[in-house]
Protein backbone atom coordinates (compact mmCIF):
# COMPACT_ATOMS: atom_id res chain seq x y z
CA MET A 1 -48.53 -6.35 -15.43
CA ASP A 2 -48.56 -10.02 -16.31
CA PHE A 3 -49.89 -11.58 -19.40
CA ASP A 4 -50.57 -15.20 -19.92
CA THR A 5 -47.44 -15.68 -22.74
CA GLU A 6 -44.36 -13.93 -23.70
CA LYS A 7 -45.73 -13.32 -27.02
CA GLN A 8 -48.62 -11.14 -25.97
CA ALA A 9 -46.36 -9.15 -23.24
CA LYS A 10 -43.77 -8.78 -26.39
CA ILE A 11 -46.69 -7.69 -28.50
CA VAL A 12 -48.23 -4.84 -25.88
CA TYR A 13 -44.86 -3.83 -25.15
CA ASP A 14 -43.89 -2.87 -28.81
CA SER A 15 -47.31 -1.73 -29.20
CA ILE A 16 -47.21 1.25 -26.62
CA LEU A 17 -43.30 1.52 -26.31
CA LEU A 18 -43.49 4.59 -28.60
CA GLU A 19 -46.31 6.42 -26.39
CA PHE A 20 -44.03 5.72 -23.17
CA GLU A 21 -41.11 7.52 -25.11
CA THR A 22 -42.52 10.47 -26.52
CA SER A 23 -45.36 11.43 -23.90
CA PRO A 24 -45.11 15.17 -23.73
CA ASP A 25 -45.00 15.65 -19.51
CA TYR A 26 -42.96 17.97 -17.75
CA ARG A 27 -43.89 17.00 -14.11
CA SER A 28 -43.33 13.24 -14.80
CA SER A 29 -41.56 10.25 -16.32
CA MET A 30 -42.60 6.83 -17.49
CA ASP A 31 -40.18 4.09 -18.06
CA LEU A 32 -40.89 0.30 -19.69
CA LYS A 33 -39.64 -2.63 -19.30
CA LEU A 34 -40.19 -6.13 -20.89
CA ASP A 35 -39.37 -9.15 -18.35
CA LYS A 36 -40.31 -12.50 -19.85
CA ASN A 37 -44.32 -12.61 -19.81
CA SER A 38 -44.54 -9.05 -17.50
CA ILE A 39 -44.04 -5.30 -18.67
CA ILE A 40 -42.47 -3.57 -15.76
CA ILE A 41 -44.00 0.33 -15.81
CA THR A 42 -41.60 2.93 -13.32
CA ILE A 43 -43.16 5.97 -12.86
CA ASP A 44 -41.17 8.93 -11.50
CA ALA A 45 -43.50 11.98 -10.91
CA GLU A 46 -43.36 15.74 -8.71
CA ASP A 47 -46.80 15.18 -7.23
CA ALA A 48 -49.95 13.09 -7.02
CA THR A 49 -52.02 14.46 -9.61
CA SER A 50 -48.90 13.65 -12.07
CA PHE A 51 -48.57 10.68 -11.17
CA ARG A 52 -52.32 9.46 -11.28
CA ALA A 53 -52.30 10.97 -15.01
CA SER A 54 -49.33 8.80 -15.92
CA ILE A 55 -51.01 5.86 -14.26
CA ASN A 56 -54.22 6.58 -16.38
CA SER A 57 -52.25 6.99 -19.72
CA ALA A 58 -50.08 3.86 -18.97
CA ILE A 59 -53.34 1.91 -18.42
CA LYS A 60 -55.52 3.02 -21.38
CA TRP A 61 -52.78 2.28 -23.65
CA ILE A 62 -52.62 -1.11 -22.34
CA LYS A 63 -55.70 -1.47 -22.37
CA LEU A 64 -56.21 -0.87 -26.25
CA SER A 65 -53.69 -2.45 -27.36
CA VAL A 66 -54.68 -5.91 -25.17
CA GLU A 67 -58.30 -5.51 -26.86
CA ILE A 68 -56.93 -4.66 -30.53
CA ASN A 69 -54.57 -7.74 -30.02
CA GLU A 70 -57.68 -9.88 -29.21
CA LEU A 71 -59.92 -8.73 -32.00
CA THR A 72 -56.73 -9.99 -34.42
CA GLU A 73 -56.77 -12.99 -32.68
CA ILE A 74 -60.44 -14.11 -33.67
């Protein structure tokens, strides 16, 4: 995912990192990497259902983090 600035990417990355590290799922794993103004998500899943659930979780966490960040910038 690309963000407008490196600062915004870092804020979102820091906000969701713990979720990625502690998410209990035995059929999939997710890795998160910050690269300038981008967050790179790698998902390794045993099946399509686990993959979809991981994607949905990642999107939910990122969306929430972005929305909260936007509220605090007002």
